[in-house]
Structure formats: structure tokens, C-alpha cells
Amino acid sequence: MKVFSTLATLVALGSCQSITRVTDFTAGPTNLGMYVYVPPNLKTPAPIVVAVHHCQGSAQQYSGESGYMPLATSHGFILIYPNSKSGGGCFDVASDATLKHNGGGDSQTIANMVTYAVQKYGGDVNRTFVTGTSSGAMMTNVLVGAYPDVFKAGSVYSGVPDGCFYVAGSTATQDPPGWNNQCANGQSTKTAQQWGDLVRSYYTGYTGPRPRMQIWHGTADATLRYPNYAETMKQWSNVFGLTTSKDTTNTPQSGYTMTIYGEGNATTAQLVGYSAANVGHTVPVHQAQDLAFFGI
């Protein structure tokens, strides 16, 4: 009964919570909206979770869909919800500007939101994480690739490898952003080394630690097709220099297969993947697994 009363309390808390637009965030360089939820019982310093919405979505919509706000209240962390500038609600993951560190694209704007939250709300630079769904999942991969000095871990719900969605000639300001059908259809195949080299090319000269990664994908995904899961796992395994993996079926629930690369468990390993049998686009957000993986 205690478990049910706790869940009921969290649901009640979530029903009266809302995000707030940050009107004095002007760092850009692109015109994304910055929305935040800063709970009253904030930790000092406070972890930061950036949650990036899908196409045809919004910060407001994803703040409800993702279900993180009640957990931010109970755990005392800051939530940032970027809002796409495009008419269709997608983020730019196709241009050189967004793929490269400080290249002038949407990814740099989101990284600047983190800097704002650290300075304005007392966010913890050593506990900053990012997650997202579909377009937001693709942006999550881009952010951890281009800004490994900002983010400590990422959780990707139904995305594609970092750099897979690149479109030659695509710009940071076009609306809608570039779309790569070959990648979306799961037809972009590279070796692990080639995928890893792409990540490393987006922040040349960086030799520091890389963010830990958690990857989710459904086998029945008809939008960003399932082969993108294997390609994404290949990419990050190379970035981490990991070559051995272990599968566990029906984890964290029936029909899901968990793959851990290298040492550690579901909450401590550098790379954890979840293949969701017969799940389409997109895999539902697993908040408990996210927070455990982030160490919040």
C-alpha cells in the first residue's frame, strides 16, 4: 500500500506542475525556446536533465509525456525542455553547424541553455544529463557527440547514430530542418570504427571522458527503423573502446532485451542498450531507468 500511496502522491504533484519559458535566455545561436521546471526543494548544486521533444511536438507537450516533473520535485533536479523553432517541431540534426562543437546550430543553443541553468539556478556542471525521443533522441546523440565536456550521460529513445542524419548543404536556419531518408529507413551502414570516427570528428582535439550512453529502440519502428539501433550501439561501443557485450532477456520488462557492453551493470556500465520486441515508434520513456543510469 505504501508503494501505491507514493505513486499517487507523485501523480498528484505532476498534475499541478508546469514548465516556465525563460524569456531572458538570449545566448542562441539559433532561436530555440528554453523552458524549465525548477522545483522548490532544489539540491545544491542541482543535477540538470535536458529533455528534448520529438517532431510535431513541443516543450510543453513533452514535459507531460516524458513524466519527469514529479521526479524532479522528489529528487531536486532541474529540468530543461528546449522548444524547436521549426514549423514541424523537429530539431536540426542534419547540418554541419549542429553536428560540430560550437558550430552555430541547435546543439550549441541547447548547450548554452545548460550554461544558463548552471549560472541562474545553481545547476551542477558535473551532473548534467540529456535525453530525448525521436528527433530529440537524434539530438541527444548529437549533443553527447559534440559536447562531451557538458554532458555526463545520455538516454536515447528511438533515434539514429550521431551524424547519420547529415544532409549536404543543410543549414542551421532552414525550416524544416534537413531530413535523411536513407538514414531514417535504416539503410546507413558503417563499421564501428567509421561511426566512432564521425563522433570524434565533431569535436577535434577533445581527449576527455565521454558521456555514458543508454539506447532504446523498438523492433517494429517504422519511422526511424530498427537497424539504426545496431548502428548506434556500434558507434558508441567504438567511442568507448568496448568490444564485448552480454544480453539479458526480459529486462527491464517482458519483451525487452538488455545489452551491456564492457564492465558494470544497468546503472553503471558505459553503454547499455534495450531492444524492445514489437514496439513501434517510439519506445515509451522509462523514467526510473533513466534516473538510475544518471545516478540521480
Protein backbone atom coordinates (compact mmCIF):
# COMPACT_ATOMS: atom_id res chain seq x y z
CA MET A 1 0.00 0.00 0.00
CA LYS A 2 2.90 2.35 0.67
CA VAL A 3 4.07 1.99 -2.95
CA PHE A 4 0.63 2.89 -4.27
CA SER A 5 0.35 5.89 -1.96
CA THR A 6 3.77 7.12 -3.13
CA LEU A 7 2.75 6.78 -6.78
CA ALA A 8 -0.50 8.60 -6.08
CA THR A 9 1.43 11.41 -4.45
CA LEU A 10 3.73 11.74 -7.46
CA VAL A 11 0.74 11.78 -9.83
CA ALA A 12 -0.90 14.48 -7.75
CA LEU A 13 2.30 16.51 -7.75
CA GLY A 14 2.64 16.16 -11.52
CA SER A 15 -0.91 17.38 -12.15
CA CYS A 16 -0.19 20.81 -10.70
CA GLN A 17 3.29 21.29 -12.13
CA SER A 18 4.14 23.25 -15.24
CA ILE A 19 7.19 24.46 -17.11
CA THR A 20 8.10 28.12 -17.48
CA ARG A 21 9.53 29.85 -20.53
CA VAL A 22 12.86 31.56 -19.87
CA THR A 23 12.41 34.93 -21.56
CA ASP A 24 15.88 36.27 -20.82
CA PHE A 25 17.76 33.37 -22.42
CA THR A 26 19.30 35.06 -25.45
CA ALA A 27 22.56 33.16 -25.97
CA GLY A 28 21.35 31.42 -29.14
CA PRO A 29 22.86 30.96 -31.70
CA THR A 30 19.55 29.53 -33.03
CA ASN A 31 16.12 30.67 -31.98
CA LEU A 32 15.07 27.75 -29.80
CA GLY A 33 12.77 28.38 -26.87
CA MET A 34 14.05 27.50 -23.40
CA TYR A 35 11.56 26.12 -20.89
CA VAL A 36 12.43 24.95 -17.41
CA TYR A 37 10.99 23.29 -14.36
CA VAL A 38 12.86 24.27 -11.20
CA PRO A 39 11.36 22.52 -8.15
CA PRO A 40 11.19 24.32 -4.80
CA ASN A 41 13.33 21.73 -3.00
CA LEU A 42 16.31 22.06 -5.33
CA LYS A 43 19.51 20.28 -4.38
CA THR A 44 22.66 22.39 -4.03
CA PRO A 45 24.17 22.14 -6.56
CA ALA A 46 21.33 20.61 -8.56
CA PRO A 47 21.59 17.94 -11.24
CA ILE A 48 20.30 19.04 -14.65
CA VAL A 49 18.29 16.88 -17.05
CA VAL A 50 17.71 18.21 -20.58
CA ALA A 51 14.68 16.53 -22.20
CA VAL A 52 14.32 17.06 -25.96
CA HIS A 53 10.97 16.58 -27.70
CA HIS A 54 10.05 14.76 -30.91
CA CYS A 55 8.91 16.16 -34.28
CA GLN A 56 5.37 17.55 -34.23
CA GLY A 57 5.90 18.10 -30.53
CA SER A 58 6.74 20.94 -28.18
CA ALA A 59 8.42 21.59 -24.87
CA GLN A 60 5.03 21.87 -23.19
CA GLN A 61 3.77 18.63 -24.70
CA TYR A 62 6.92 16.66 -23.91
CA SER A 63 7.02 17.92 -20.34
CA GLY A 64 3.81 15.97 -19.82
CA GLU A 65 4.67 12.97 -21.99
CA SER A 66 8.10 12.38 -20.50
CA GLY A 67 6.87 12.24 -16.90
CA TYR A 68 9.99 13.72 -15.33
CA MET A 69 8.47 16.65 -13.43
CA PRO A 70 7.16 14.71 -10.41
CA LEU A 71 10.60 13.07 -10.17
CA ALA A 72 12.33 16.44 -10.36
CA THR A 73 10.21 17.51 -7.41
CA SER A 74 11.03 14.42 -5.37
CA HIS A 75 14.73 14.33 -6.33
CA GLY A 76 15.50 18.05 -6.51
CA PHE A 77 16.89 18.34 -10.05
CA ILE A 78 16.45 20.98 -12.77
CA LEU A 79 14.61 20.14 -15.98
CA ILE A 80 15.30 21.95 -19.27
CA TYR A 81 12.88 21.48 -22.16
CA PRO A 82 14.16 23.04 -25.41
CA ASN A 83 11.43 24.03 -27.87
CA SER A 84 12.04 23.62 -31.60
CA LYS A 85 11.99 26.71 -33.82
CA SER A 86 10.76 24.81 -36.90
CA GLY A 87 7.21 24.66 -38.14
CA GLY A 88 7.13 20.88 -37.92
CA GLY A 89 8.69 20.76 -34.46
CA CYS A 90 11.88 18.92 -35.49
CA PHE A 91 15.37 19.83 -34.31
CA ASP A 92 18.25 20.28 -36.75
CA VAL A 93 20.47 17.20 -36.67
CA ALA A 94 21.42 17.42 -40.35
CA SER A 95 23.72 20.45 -40.71
CA ASP A 96 27.44 20.79 -40.10
CA ALA A 97 26.57 23.66 -37.78
CA THR A 98 24.66 21.46 -35.35
CA LEU A 99 26.88 18.38 -35.63
CA LYS A 100 30.11 20.19 -34.75
CA HIS A 101 31.21 21.60 -31.41
CA ASN A 102 30.38 25.31 -31.26
CA GLY A 103 29.32 25.15 -34.90
CA GLY A 104 26.41 27.57 -34.54
CA GLY A 105 23.46 25.15 -34.66
CA ASP A 106 20.65 23.92 -32.42
CA SER A 107 23.01 21.74 -30.40
CA GLN A 108 25.07 24.75 -29.37
CA THR A 109 21.92 26.59 -28.32
CA ILE A 110 20.93 23.69 -26.06
CA ALA A 111 24.44 23.51 -24.60
CA ASN A 112 24.14 27.22 -23.85
CA MET A 113 20.88 26.53 -22.01
CA VAL A 114 22.84 24.29 -19.66
CA THR A 115 25.32 27.10 -19.01
CA TYR A 116 22.39 29.42 -18.24
CA ALA A 117 20.88 26.90 -15.79
CA VAL A 118 24.19 26.46 -14.00
CA GLN A 119 24.60 30.20 -13.55
CA LYS A 120 20.94 31.12 -12.90
CA TYR A 121 19.65 28.22 -10.82
CA GLY A 122 22.75 26.67 -9.28
CA GLY A 123 22.97 23.67 -11.59
CA ASP A 124 25.73 21.11 -11.14
CA VAL A 125 28.18 21.14 -14.06
CA ASN A 126 29.31 17.66 -13.03
CA ARG A 127 25.81 16.17 -13.11
CA THR A 128 24.27 17.28 -16.39
CA PHE A 129 22.37 14.75 -18.50
CA VAL A 130 20.31 14.66 -21.68
CA THR A 131 17.51 12.50 -23.03
CA GLY A 132 15.02 12.70 -25.87
CA THR A 133 12.55 10.93 -28.12
CA SER A 134 12.76 10.55 -31.93
CA SER A 135 14.06 13.95 -33.16
CA GLY A 136 15.02 14.54 -29.53
CA ALA A 137 16.79 11.18 -29.45
CA MET A 138 18.77 12.13 -32.53
CA MET A 139 19.62 15.43 -30.86
CA THR A 140 20.69 13.56 -27.72
CA ASN A 141 23.26 11.63 -29.76
CA VAL A 142 24.40 14.86 -31.41
CA LEU A 143 24.76 16.64 -28.06
CA VAL A 144 26.82 13.95 -26.39
CA GLY A 145 28.98 13.74 -29.51
CA ALA A 146 29.62 17.46 -29.91
CA TYR A 147 29.55 18.45 -26.22
CA PRO A 148 31.15 15.63 -24.20
CA ASP A 149 32.52 18.36 -21.95
CA VAL A 150 28.97 19.39 -21.00
CA PHE A 151 27.01 16.15 -20.62
CA LYS A 152 27.86 13.18 -18.41
CA ALA A 153 25.32 10.70 -19.81
CA GLY A 154 22.52 10.40 -22.34
CA SER A 155 19.40 8.26 -22.80
CA VAL A 156 18.19 7.87 -26.39
CA TYR A 157 14.62 6.83 -27.23
CA SER A 158 14.26 5.65 -30.83
CA GLY A 159 16.94 7.68 -32.61
CA VAL A 160 19.77 7.23 -35.10
CA PRO A 161 23.59 7.34 -34.81
CA ASP A 162 25.32 10.68 -34.39
CA GLY A 163 25.93 12.08 -37.87
CA CYS A 164 23.66 9.58 -39.64
CA PHE A 165 21.11 12.28 -40.49
CA TYR A 166 23.66 14.61 -42.12
CA VAL A 167 22.41 16.26 -45.32
CA ALA A 168 24.93 18.04 -47.55
CA GLY A 169 24.08 21.72 -47.87
CA SER A 170 21.65 21.68 -44.96
CA THR A 171 21.78 24.83 -42.82
CA ALA A 172 21.08 25.64 -39.21
CA THR A 173 18.31 28.08 -40.10
CA GLN A 174 16.30 26.23 -42.75
CA ASP A 175 12.72 25.26 -41.98
CA PRO A 176 12.06 22.39 -41.93
CA PRO A 177 15.49 21.02 -41.00
CA GLY A 178 17.18 18.55 -43.32
CA TRP A 179 15.76 15.02 -43.48
CA ASN A 180 17.81 11.97 -44.47
CA ASN A 181 15.56 9.20 -45.80
CA GLN A 182 18.39 6.69 -46.18
CA CYS A 183 19.24 7.01 -42.50
CA ALA A 184 15.62 7.06 -41.35
CA ASN A 185 14.98 3.84 -43.27
CA GLY A 186 17.88 2.08 -41.57
CA GLN A 187 19.95 1.90 -44.74
CA SER A 188 23.03 3.78 -43.50
CA THR A 189 25.55 1.14 -42.50
CA LYS A 190 29.13 1.75 -41.39
CA THR A 191 31.76 -0.10 -39.42
CA ALA A 192 32.04 0.66 -35.74
CA GLN A 193 35.31 2.46 -36.45
CA GLN A 194 33.70 4.65 -39.11
CA TRP A 195 30.83 5.61 -36.82
CA GLY A 196 33.23 6.31 -33.98
CA ASP A 197 35.43 8.43 -36.23
CA LEU A 198 32.39 10.55 -37.07
CA VAL A 199 31.78 11.30 -33.40
CA ARG A 200 35.42 12.16 -32.82
CA SER A 201 35.45 14.46 -35.87
CA TYR A 202 32.74 16.67 -34.42
CA TYR A 203 34.98 17.87 -31.59
CA THR A 204 38.52 17.59 -32.89
CA GLY A 205 41.23 17.67 -30.29
CA TYR A 206 38.96 16.57 -27.44
CA THR A 207 40.63 13.92 -25.28
CA GLY A 208 38.50 13.98 -22.14
CA PRO A 209 35.93 11.48 -20.88
CA ARG A 210 32.90 10.60 -22.99
CA PRO A 211 29.30 10.58 -21.70
CA ARG A 212 27.85 7.19 -20.79
CA MET A 213 25.05 6.10 -23.11
CA GLN A 214 21.72 4.28 -22.77
CA ILE A 215 19.99 3.37 -26.06
CA TRP A 216 16.34 2.29 -26.53
CA HIS A 217 14.73 1.12 -29.79
CA GLY A 218 11.67 -0.86 -30.86
CA THR A 219 11.93 -3.69 -33.39
CA ALA A 220 8.70 -2.55 -35.10
CA ASP A 221 9.81 1.08 -35.56
CA ALA A 222 8.58 2.21 -38.99
CA THR A 223 9.81 5.82 -38.73
CA LEU A 224 13.46 5.53 -37.68
CA ARG A 225 13.82 1.88 -38.49
CA TYR A 226 15.25 -0.75 -36.21
CA PRO A 227 18.65 -1.23 -37.96
CA ASN A 228 19.53 2.18 -36.51
CA TYR A 229 19.70 0.53 -33.09
CA ALA A 230 22.58 -1.78 -34.06
CA GLU A 231 24.38 1.05 -35.84
CA THR A 232 24.06 3.30 -32.79
CA MET A 233 25.37 0.58 -30.49
CA LYS A 234 28.30 0.00 -32.87
CA GLN A 235 29.08 3.71 -32.81
CA TRP A 236 29.22 4.19 -29.07
CA SER A 237 30.96 0.87 -28.43
CA ASN A 238 33.78 2.14 -30.64
CA VAL A 239 33.87 5.53 -28.95
CA PHE A 240 34.26 3.75 -25.61
CA GLY A 241 36.66 1.15 -26.98
CA LEU A 242 34.36 -1.70 -25.94
CA THR A 243 34.23 -5.00 -27.84
CA THR A 244 32.45 -7.45 -25.54
CA SER A 245 28.77 -7.49 -24.67
CA LYS A 246 26.24 -9.54 -22.71
CA ASP A 247 22.49 -9.88 -23.34
CA THR A 248 19.77 -10.33 -20.74
CA THR A 249 16.23 -11.08 -21.92
CA ASN A 250 13.00 -9.70 -20.45
CA THR A 251 14.80 -6.78 -18.82
CA PRO A 252 13.60 -4.32 -17.57
CA GLN A 253 10.28 -5.84 -18.65
CA SER A 254 8.87 -8.64 -20.77
CA GLY A 255 9.92 -8.44 -24.42
CA TYR A 256 12.89 -6.15 -23.83
CA THR A 257 16.46 -7.42 -24.25
CA MET A 258 19.17 -5.54 -22.41
CA THR A 259 22.69 -5.47 -23.83
CA ILE A 260 25.59 -4.29 -21.68
CA TYR A 261 28.93 -3.53 -23.27
CA GLY A 262 32.03 -3.92 -21.14
CA GLU A 263 32.03 -3.93 -17.36
CA GLY A 264 29.29 -2.85 -14.97
CA ASN A 265 25.54 -3.29 -14.70
CA ALA A 266 22.44 -1.49 -15.97
CA THR A 267 23.19 1.59 -13.89
CA THR A 268 26.99 1.73 -14.03
CA ALA A 269 28.08 0.46 -17.46
CA GLN A 270 29.35 2.87 -20.11
CA LEU A 271 26.95 1.55 -22.75
CA VAL A 272 23.57 -0.10 -22.21
CA GLY A 273 21.05 -0.92 -24.93
CA TYR A 274 17.42 -2.01 -24.78
CA SER A 275 15.82 -3.71 -27.78
CA ALA A 276 12.02 -3.68 -27.39
CA ALA A 277 10.30 -6.52 -29.27
CA ASN A 278 7.26 -5.48 -31.32
CA VAL A 279 7.41 -1.90 -30.05
CA GLY A 280 6.97 0.79 -32.69
CA HIS A 281 7.90 4.44 -32.82
CA THR A 282 8.63 5.32 -30.11
CA VAL A 283 9.74 3.34 -27.08
CA PRO A 284 7.96 4.76 -24.01
CA VAL A 285 10.10 6.78 -21.62
CA HIS A 286 11.42 4.68 -18.74
CA GLN A 287 11.96 7.35 -16.13
CA ALA A 288 13.17 5.06 -13.34
CA GLN A 289 15.84 3.51 -15.56
CA ASP A 290 16.92 6.95 -16.77
CA LEU A 291 17.41 8.39 -13.31
CA ALA A 292 19.18 5.25 -12.11
CA PHE A 293 21.52 5.41 -15.12
CA PHE A 294 22.16 9.10 -14.46
CA GLY A 295 22.81 8.43 -10.79
CA ILE A 296 20.10 10.82 -9.60
